[in-house]
């Protein structure tokens, strides 16, 4: 078990207990269920000759946006950010020098959740492709924009 503590405004300590193994297993089970459901929907689509399976393929497309897998991904990133924030508060209470690292990780995870929810990187990539006339292999040009703050 992993014990994460945080301090609430009243000054009284609050302890949050997280069973990391159980959390990992549940997370993996949801991912496996999403993959299995998407595979089953694809097979049914071929067998029944329904290309979109009445919209279900789009709703569970693992490479799609604004659907169930994207919502799950966004939720998982927000939960990870919340845990990072809790650990950061615990480290701040202990006075350790890694507090800023935890807060930076929390902000990064929140940005990734927002990116997943609002398709930020797709919009950046589209703007770069249209603005600079990029084609072909430049489909992933947004990577360079995201890489710049990491390298700098």
N, C-alpha and C. Protein backbone atom coordinates (compact mmCIF):
# COMPACT_ATOMS: atom_id res chain seq x y z
N UNK A 1 0.82 -1.19 0.00
CA UNK A 1 0.00 0.00 0.00
C UNK A 1 0.86 1.25 0.00
N UNK A 2 0.36 2.26 -0.64
CA UNK A 2 1.03 3.55 -0.67
C UNK A 2 0.21 4.49 0.20
N UNK A 3 0.85 5.18 1.12
CA UNK A 3 0.15 6.13 1.97
C UNK A 3 0.49 7.53 1.53
N UNK A 4 -0.55 8.29 1.23
CA UNK A 4 -0.37 9.67 0.80
C UNK A 4 -1.08 10.54 1.81
N UNK A 5 -0.40 11.52 2.35
CA UNK A 5 -1.02 12.42 3.31
C UNK A 5 -1.10 13.82 2.77
N UNK A 6 -2.06 14.56 3.23
CA UNK A 6 -2.20 15.95 2.83
C UNK A 6 -2.72 16.72 4.04
N UNK A 7 -2.53 18.01 4.05
CA UNK A 7 -2.99 18.84 5.14
C UNK A 7 -4.15 19.68 4.64
N UNK A 8 -5.28 19.61 5.35
CA UNK A 8 -6.44 20.43 4.97
C UNK A 8 -6.31 21.80 5.61
N UNK A 9 -7.16 22.74 5.24
CA UNK A 9 -7.03 24.13 5.71
C UNK A 9 -7.15 24.27 7.22
N UNK A 10 -7.86 23.39 7.87
CA UNK A 10 -8.03 23.50 9.32
C UNK A 10 -6.74 23.18 10.06
N UNK A 11 -5.77 22.66 9.37
CA UNK A 11 -4.52 22.30 10.01
C UNK A 11 -4.50 20.86 10.50
N UNK A 12 -5.64 20.19 10.49
CA UNK A 12 -5.65 18.80 10.92
C UNK A 12 -5.19 17.91 9.77
N UNK A 13 -4.38 16.91 10.08
CA UNK A 13 -3.88 16.05 9.00
C UNK A 13 -4.98 15.15 8.43
N UNK A 14 -4.90 14.94 7.16
CA UNK A 14 -5.83 14.04 6.48
C UNK A 14 -4.98 12.97 5.81
N UNK A 15 -5.35 11.75 6.02
CA UNK A 15 -4.58 10.67 5.41
C UNK A 15 -5.43 9.99 4.35
N UNK A 16 -4.83 9.82 3.19
CA UNK A 16 -5.48 9.13 2.08
C UNK A 16 -4.69 7.86 1.84
N UNK A 17 -5.38 6.75 1.80
CA UNK A 17 -4.71 5.48 1.57
C UNK A 17 -5.03 5.01 0.15
N UNK A 18 -3.98 4.71 -0.59
CA UNK A 18 -4.13 4.23 -1.97
C UNK A 18 -3.44 2.88 -2.08
N UNK A 19 -4.19 1.88 -2.49
CA UNK A 19 -3.62 0.56 -2.74
C UNK A 19 -3.16 0.56 -4.21
N UNK A 20 -1.87 0.76 -4.44
CA UNK A 20 -1.34 0.92 -5.79
C UNK A 20 -1.58 -0.31 -6.65
N UNK A 21 -1.44 -1.50 -6.09
CA UNK A 21 -1.65 -2.73 -6.86
C UNK A 21 -3.11 -2.84 -7.31
N UNK A 22 -4.02 -2.57 -6.40
CA UNK A 22 -5.43 -2.65 -6.74
C UNK A 22 -5.80 -1.59 -7.77
N UNK A 23 -5.29 -0.39 -7.60
CA UNK A 23 -5.54 0.69 -8.55
C UNK A 23 -5.03 0.32 -9.94
N UNK A 24 -3.82 -0.23 -10.00
CA UNK A 24 -3.25 -0.65 -11.28
C UNK A 24 -4.10 -1.74 -11.93
N UNK A 25 -4.51 -2.73 -11.14
CA UNK A 25 -5.33 -3.83 -11.69
C UNK A 25 -6.66 -3.31 -12.24
N UNK A 26 -7.29 -2.43 -11.51
CA UNK A 26 -8.58 -1.88 -11.97
C UNK A 26 -8.39 -1.05 -13.25
N UNK A 27 -7.33 -0.27 -13.27
CA UNK A 27 -7.03 0.55 -14.45
C UNK A 27 -6.79 -0.36 -15.66
N UNK A 28 -6.00 -1.40 -15.47
CA UNK A 28 -5.71 -2.35 -16.56
C UNK A 28 -6.98 -3.08 -17.00
N UNK A 29 -7.86 -3.38 -16.07
CA UNK A 29 -9.11 -4.06 -16.43
C UNK A 29 -10.00 -3.16 -17.29
N UNK A 30 -10.07 -1.89 -16.96
CA UNK A 30 -10.88 -0.97 -17.76
C UNK A 30 -10.29 -0.84 -19.16
N UNK A 31 -8.96 -0.73 -19.25
CA UNK A 31 -8.30 -0.64 -20.55
C UNK A 31 -8.57 -1.91 -21.37
N UNK A 32 -8.43 -3.06 -20.74
CA UNK A 32 -8.69 -4.33 -21.44
C UNK A 32 -10.15 -4.41 -21.89
N UNK A 33 -11.07 -3.94 -21.07
CA UNK A 33 -12.49 -3.96 -21.44
C UNK A 33 -12.74 -3.04 -22.64
N UNK A 34 -12.13 -1.87 -22.65
CA UNK A 34 -12.29 -0.96 -23.79
C UNK A 34 -11.72 -1.55 -25.08
N UNK A 35 -10.55 -2.17 -24.97
CA UNK A 35 -9.94 -2.79 -26.14
C UNK A 35 -10.79 -3.96 -26.62
N UNK A 36 -11.24 -4.80 -25.69
CA UNK A 36 -12.07 -5.94 -26.05
C UNK A 36 -13.40 -5.53 -26.68
N UNK A 37 -14.01 -4.49 -26.11
CA UNK A 37 -15.28 -4.01 -26.66
C UNK A 37 -15.09 -3.45 -28.07
N UNK A 38 -14.01 -2.70 -28.25
CA UNK A 38 -13.75 -2.14 -29.58
C UNK A 38 -13.48 -3.25 -30.60
N UNK A 39 -12.72 -4.26 -30.20
CA UNK A 39 -12.46 -5.40 -31.10
C UNK A 39 -13.76 -6.14 -31.42
N UNK A 40 -14.60 -6.36 -30.41
CA UNK A 40 -15.87 -7.04 -30.64
C UNK A 40 -16.77 -6.22 -31.57
N UNK A 41 -16.79 -4.92 -31.38
CA UNK A 41 -17.59 -4.06 -32.25
C UNK A 41 -17.09 -4.10 -33.69
N UNK A 42 -15.78 -4.15 -33.87
CA UNK A 42 -15.22 -4.26 -35.22
C UNK A 42 -15.60 -5.58 -35.87
N UNK A 43 -15.50 -6.67 -35.12
CA UNK A 43 -15.90 -7.98 -35.65
C UNK A 43 -17.38 -8.00 -35.99
N UNK A 44 -18.21 -7.46 -35.12
CA UNK A 44 -19.65 -7.42 -35.37
C UNK A 44 -19.96 -6.54 -36.57
N UNK A 45 -19.20 -5.47 -36.73
CA UNK A 45 -19.39 -4.57 -37.87
C UNK A 45 -19.18 -5.31 -39.18
N UNK A 46 -18.14 -6.13 -39.23
CA UNK A 46 -17.85 -6.92 -40.44
C UNK A 46 -18.91 -8.00 -40.63
N UNK A 47 -19.23 -8.71 -39.55
CA UNK A 47 -20.18 -9.82 -39.64
C UNK A 47 -21.58 -9.35 -40.03
N UNK A 48 -21.99 -8.22 -39.48
CA UNK A 48 -23.35 -7.71 -39.74
C UNK A 48 -23.41 -6.74 -40.91
N UNK A 49 -22.27 -6.46 -41.47
CA UNK A 49 -22.15 -5.50 -42.58
C UNK A 49 -22.76 -4.14 -42.24
N UNK A 50 -22.47 -3.70 -41.02
CA UNK A 50 -22.85 -2.36 -40.57
C UNK A 50 -21.56 -1.58 -40.33
N UNK A 51 -21.16 -0.72 -41.26
CA UNK A 51 -19.86 -0.07 -41.17
C UNK A 51 -19.61 0.70 -39.87
N UNK A 52 -20.59 1.35 -39.35
CA UNK A 52 -20.37 2.16 -38.14
C UNK A 52 -21.02 1.55 -36.89
N UNK A 53 -21.67 0.45 -37.05
CA UNK A 53 -22.36 -0.22 -35.94
C UNK A 53 -23.28 0.77 -35.19
N UNK A 54 -24.05 1.52 -35.96
CA UNK A 54 -25.01 2.47 -35.41
C UNK A 54 -24.36 3.50 -34.49
N UNK A 55 -23.14 3.87 -34.80
CA UNK A 55 -22.42 4.89 -34.02
C UNK A 55 -21.58 4.33 -32.89
N UNK A 56 -21.71 3.05 -32.60
CA UNK A 56 -20.96 2.47 -31.49
C UNK A 56 -19.46 2.40 -31.77
N UNK A 57 -19.08 2.16 -33.02
CA UNK A 57 -17.65 2.13 -33.35
C UNK A 57 -17.00 3.49 -33.09
N UNK A 58 -17.69 4.55 -33.43
CA UNK A 58 -17.16 5.89 -33.19
C UNK A 58 -17.08 6.17 -31.69
N UNK A 59 -18.09 5.73 -30.96
CA UNK A 59 -18.13 5.98 -29.51
C UNK A 59 -17.03 5.26 -28.76
N UNK A 60 -16.54 4.14 -29.31
CA UNK A 60 -15.51 3.36 -28.63
C UNK A 60 -14.21 3.25 -29.43
N UNK A 61 -14.03 4.11 -30.43
CA UNK A 61 -12.83 4.10 -31.27
C UNK A 61 -11.61 4.46 -30.42
N UNK A 62 -10.65 3.55 -30.36
CA UNK A 62 -9.46 3.77 -29.53
C UNK A 62 -8.55 4.85 -30.09
N UNK A 63 -8.75 5.23 -31.34
CA UNK A 63 -7.94 6.28 -31.96
C UNK A 63 -8.78 7.54 -32.18
N UNK A 64 -9.93 7.62 -31.52
CA UNK A 64 -10.84 8.73 -31.73
C UNK A 64 -10.74 9.79 -30.65
N UNK A 65 -11.51 10.82 -30.85
CA UNK A 65 -11.59 11.92 -29.89
C UNK A 65 -13.03 12.10 -29.49
N UNK A 66 -13.24 12.72 -28.34
CA UNK A 66 -14.59 12.99 -27.83
C UNK A 66 -15.43 11.72 -27.77
N UNK A 67 -14.88 10.66 -27.18
CA UNK A 67 -15.61 9.41 -27.04
C UNK A 67 -15.26 8.76 -25.71
N UNK A 68 -15.72 7.56 -25.48
CA UNK A 68 -15.53 6.89 -24.19
C UNK A 68 -14.05 6.67 -23.84
N UNK A 69 -13.21 6.12 -24.74
CA UNK A 69 -11.80 5.96 -24.38
C UNK A 69 -11.09 7.29 -24.09
N UNK A 70 -11.42 8.34 -24.83
CA UNK A 70 -10.81 9.65 -24.57
C UNK A 70 -11.25 10.20 -23.22
N UNK A 71 -12.52 9.99 -22.87
CA UNK A 71 -13.02 10.43 -21.57
C UNK A 71 -12.31 9.68 -20.45
N UNK A 72 -12.15 8.37 -20.63
CA UNK A 72 -11.44 7.57 -19.63
C UNK A 72 -10.00 8.07 -19.47
N UNK A 73 -9.33 8.34 -20.59
CA UNK A 73 -7.96 8.83 -20.55
C UNK A 73 -7.87 10.17 -19.82
N UNK A 74 -8.80 11.06 -20.13
CA UNK A 74 -8.84 12.37 -19.47
C UNK A 74 -9.05 12.20 -17.96
N UNK A 75 -9.99 11.35 -17.58
CA UNK A 75 -10.27 11.09 -16.17
C UNK A 75 -9.05 10.51 -15.46
N UNK A 76 -8.37 9.57 -16.11
CA UNK A 76 -7.17 8.95 -15.51
C UNK A 76 -6.07 10.00 -15.31
N UNK A 77 -5.90 10.90 -16.27
CA UNK A 77 -4.89 11.94 -16.14
C UNK A 77 -5.24 12.92 -15.01
N UNK A 78 -6.52 13.25 -14.87
CA UNK A 78 -6.93 14.13 -13.77
C UNK A 78 -6.70 13.45 -12.42
N UNK A 79 -7.01 12.16 -12.34
CA UNK A 79 -6.75 11.41 -11.09
C UNK A 79 -5.26 11.37 -10.77
N UNK A 80 -4.43 11.16 -11.78
CA UNK A 80 -2.98 11.15 -11.57
C UNK A 80 -2.50 12.52 -11.11
N UNK A 81 -3.07 13.58 -11.67
CA UNK A 81 -2.71 14.93 -11.25
C UNK A 81 -3.11 15.17 -9.80
N UNK A 82 -4.29 14.69 -9.41
CA UNK A 82 -4.73 14.84 -8.03
C UNK A 82 -3.80 14.11 -7.07
N UNK A 83 -3.37 12.92 -7.46
CA UNK A 83 -2.43 12.18 -6.61
C UNK A 83 -1.08 12.89 -6.55
N UNK A 84 -0.63 13.42 -7.68
CA UNK A 84 0.63 14.18 -7.69
C UNK A 84 0.55 15.41 -6.80
N UNK A 85 -0.59 16.07 -6.83
CA UNK A 85 -0.79 17.25 -5.97
C UNK A 85 -0.76 16.86 -4.49
N UNK A 86 -1.43 15.73 -4.16
CA UNK A 86 -1.44 15.26 -2.77
C UNK A 86 -0.03 14.93 -2.30
N UNK A 87 0.75 14.27 -3.15
CA UNK A 87 2.14 13.94 -2.78
C UNK A 87 2.95 15.23 -2.64
N UNK A 88 2.71 16.19 -3.52
CA UNK A 88 3.40 17.48 -3.42
C UNK A 88 3.11 18.19 -2.12
N UNK A 89 1.86 18.14 -1.68
CA UNK A 89 1.50 18.76 -0.40
C UNK A 89 2.16 18.03 0.76
N UNK A 90 2.23 16.71 0.67
CA UNK A 90 2.89 15.92 1.71
C UNK A 90 4.37 16.28 1.77
N UNK A 91 5.00 16.36 0.61
CA UNK A 91 6.42 16.71 0.56
C UNK A 91 6.65 18.14 1.07
N UNK A 92 5.72 19.04 0.80
CA UNK A 92 5.84 20.41 1.30
C UNK A 92 5.77 20.42 2.83
N UNK A 93 4.86 19.62 3.40
CA UNK A 93 4.73 19.53 4.85
C UNK A 93 5.99 18.95 5.48
N UNK A 94 6.65 18.07 4.77
CA UNK A 94 7.90 17.47 5.26
C UNK A 94 9.10 18.39 5.06
N UNK A 95 8.93 19.38 4.18
CA UNK A 95 10.03 20.31 3.91
C UNK A 95 11.09 19.75 2.97
N UNK A 96 10.74 18.80 2.14
CA UNK A 96 11.71 18.22 1.22
C UNK A 96 11.89 19.12 0.00
N UNK A 97 13.02 19.02 -0.68
CA UNK A 97 13.30 19.92 -1.81
C UNK A 97 12.63 19.52 -3.13
N UNK A 98 11.84 18.46 -3.16
CA UNK A 98 11.25 18.01 -4.42
C UNK A 98 9.82 18.51 -4.63
N UNK A 99 9.39 19.46 -3.82
CA UNK A 99 8.02 19.96 -3.90
C UNK A 99 7.72 20.52 -5.28
N UNK A 100 8.61 21.32 -5.83
CA UNK A 100 8.38 21.92 -7.14
C UNK A 100 8.27 20.87 -8.24
N UNK A 101 9.00 19.78 -8.10
CA UNK A 101 8.91 18.70 -9.08
C UNK A 101 7.51 18.11 -9.10
N UNK A 102 6.94 17.89 -7.93
CA UNK A 102 5.59 17.32 -7.86
C UNK A 102 4.55 18.29 -8.41
N UNK A 103 4.73 19.58 -8.10
CA UNK A 103 3.78 20.56 -8.62
C UNK A 103 3.91 20.70 -10.14
N UNK A 104 5.13 20.62 -10.65
CA UNK A 104 5.34 20.67 -12.11
C UNK A 104 4.70 19.45 -12.77
N UNK A 105 4.87 18.28 -12.16
CA UNK A 105 4.25 17.07 -12.69
C UNK A 105 2.72 17.19 -12.68
N UNK A 106 2.18 17.75 -11.61
CA UNK A 106 0.73 17.96 -11.51
C UNK A 106 0.25 18.85 -12.64
N UNK A 107 0.95 19.97 -12.88
CA UNK A 107 0.56 20.87 -13.97
C UNK A 107 0.67 20.19 -15.33
N UNK A 108 1.71 19.41 -15.54
CA UNK A 108 1.88 18.69 -16.79
C UNK A 108 0.72 17.71 -17.01
N UNK A 109 0.35 16.97 -15.97
CA UNK A 109 -0.75 16.01 -16.09
C UNK A 109 -2.08 16.71 -16.35
N UNK A 110 -2.29 17.88 -15.73
CA UNK A 110 -3.51 18.64 -15.99
C UNK A 110 -3.53 19.16 -17.42
N UNK A 111 -2.36 19.60 -17.92
CA UNK A 111 -2.29 20.04 -19.32
C UNK A 111 -2.60 18.88 -20.26
N UNK A 112 -2.06 17.70 -19.98
CA UNK A 112 -2.32 16.54 -20.83
C UNK A 112 -3.80 16.15 -20.79
N UNK A 113 -4.43 16.29 -19.63
CA UNK A 113 -5.87 16.01 -19.53
C UNK A 113 -6.65 17.01 -20.38
N UNK A 114 -6.28 18.29 -20.29
CA UNK A 114 -6.95 19.31 -21.10
C UNK A 114 -6.71 19.07 -22.58
N UNK A 115 -5.49 18.67 -22.92
CA UNK A 115 -5.16 18.36 -24.31
C UNK A 115 -6.03 17.22 -24.82
N UNK A 116 -6.22 16.20 -24.00
CA UNK A 116 -7.04 15.06 -24.39
C UNK A 116 -8.51 15.48 -24.54
N UNK A 117 -8.97 16.32 -23.63
CA UNK A 117 -10.38 16.72 -23.66
C UNK A 117 -10.70 17.69 -24.79
N UNK A 118 -9.77 18.61 -25.06
CA UNK A 118 -10.06 19.68 -26.02
C UNK A 118 -9.27 19.58 -27.32
N UNK A 119 -8.58 18.47 -27.53
CA UNK A 119 -7.85 18.20 -28.78
C UNK A 119 -6.85 19.32 -29.11
N UNK A 120 -6.13 19.79 -28.13
CA UNK A 120 -5.20 20.91 -28.33
C UNK A 120 -4.15 20.56 -29.37
N UNK A 121 -3.51 19.39 -29.24
CA UNK A 121 -2.43 19.08 -30.17
C UNK A 121 -2.95 18.90 -31.60
N UNK A 122 -4.18 18.41 -31.75
CA UNK A 122 -4.74 18.32 -33.09
C UNK A 122 -4.94 19.70 -33.70
N UNK A 123 -5.40 20.64 -32.89
CA UNK A 123 -5.62 22.01 -33.37
C UNK A 123 -4.29 22.70 -33.71
N UNK A 124 -3.28 22.48 -32.87
CA UNK A 124 -1.95 23.05 -33.14
C UNK A 124 -1.39 22.46 -34.43
N UNK A 125 -1.51 21.15 -34.59
CA UNK A 125 -1.01 20.49 -35.80
C UNK A 125 -1.73 20.99 -37.04
N UNK A 126 -3.05 21.13 -36.94
CA UNK A 126 -3.83 21.62 -38.08
C UNK A 126 -3.41 23.05 -38.44
N UNK A 127 -3.22 23.90 -37.43
CA UNK A 127 -2.81 25.29 -37.69
C UNK A 127 -1.43 25.33 -38.35
N UNK A 128 -0.51 24.48 -37.90
CA UNK A 128 0.82 24.43 -38.51
C UNK A 128 0.76 23.93 -39.94
N UNK A 129 -0.02 22.88 -40.18
CA UNK A 129 -0.13 22.34 -41.54
C UNK A 129 -0.75 23.35 -42.50
N UNK A 130 -1.81 24.03 -42.06
CA UNK A 130 -2.46 25.02 -42.92
C UNK A 130 -1.59 26.27 -43.07
N UNK A 131 -1.07 26.76 -41.95
CA UNK A 131 -0.29 28.00 -41.97
C UNK A 131 1.01 27.90 -42.75
N UNK A 132 1.65 26.73 -42.68
CA UNK A 132 2.95 26.57 -43.35
C UNK A 132 2.87 25.64 -44.56
N UNK A 133 1.68 25.18 -44.90
CA UNK A 133 1.52 24.31 -46.06
C UNK A 133 2.23 22.97 -45.91
N UNK A 134 2.26 22.43 -44.69
CA UNK A 134 2.96 21.16 -44.43
C UNK A 134 2.10 19.99 -44.91
N UNK A 135 2.77 18.97 -45.47
CA UNK A 135 2.07 17.80 -45.98
C UNK A 135 2.84 16.53 -45.61
N UNK A 136 2.19 15.41 -45.83
CA UNK A 136 2.84 14.11 -45.67
C UNK A 136 3.27 13.82 -44.25
N UNK A 137 4.56 13.60 -44.08
CA UNK A 137 5.12 13.25 -42.78
C UNK A 137 5.00 14.34 -41.74
N UNK A 138 4.60 15.51 -42.15
CA UNK A 138 4.46 16.63 -41.22
C UNK A 138 3.11 16.61 -40.50
N UNK A 139 2.37 15.52 -40.64
CA UNK A 139 1.08 15.40 -39.96
C UNK A 139 1.26 15.56 -38.44
N UNK A 140 2.38 15.12 -37.92
CA UNK A 140 2.65 15.19 -36.49
C UNK A 140 3.55 16.38 -36.14
N UNK A 141 3.39 17.47 -36.85
CA UNK A 141 4.23 18.65 -36.62
C UNK A 141 4.03 19.25 -35.24
N UNK A 142 2.89 18.98 -34.59
CA UNK A 142 2.63 19.49 -33.25
C UNK A 142 3.67 18.98 -32.25
N UNK A 143 4.30 17.85 -32.54
CA UNK A 143 5.30 17.29 -31.63
C UNK A 143 6.44 18.28 -31.41
N UNK A 144 6.83 19.00 -32.46
CA UNK A 144 7.92 19.96 -32.33
C UNK A 144 7.53 21.12 -31.41
N UNK A 145 6.28 21.54 -31.48
CA UNK A 145 5.80 22.62 -30.61
C UNK A 145 5.80 22.14 -29.15
N UNK A 146 5.39 20.90 -28.93
CA UNK A 146 5.36 20.36 -27.55
C UNK A 146 6.78 20.04 -27.06
N UNK A 147 7.67 19.74 -27.97
CA UNK A 147 9.04 19.40 -27.61
C UNK A 147 9.82 20.63 -27.14
N UNK A 148 9.50 21.79 -27.70
CA UNK A 148 10.25 23.01 -27.40
C UNK A 148 10.30 23.33 -25.90
N UNK A 149 9.18 23.35 -25.15
CA UNK A 149 9.28 23.64 -23.72
C UNK A 149 10.04 22.58 -22.94
N UNK A 150 10.01 21.34 -23.41
CA UNK A 150 10.72 20.27 -22.71
C UNK A 150 12.22 20.45 -22.86
N UNK A 151 12.67 20.80 -24.06
CA UNK A 151 14.10 20.97 -24.32
C UNK A 151 14.63 22.26 -23.69
N UNK A 152 13.80 23.29 -23.70
CA UNK A 152 14.23 24.61 -23.19
C UNK A 152 14.33 24.66 -21.70
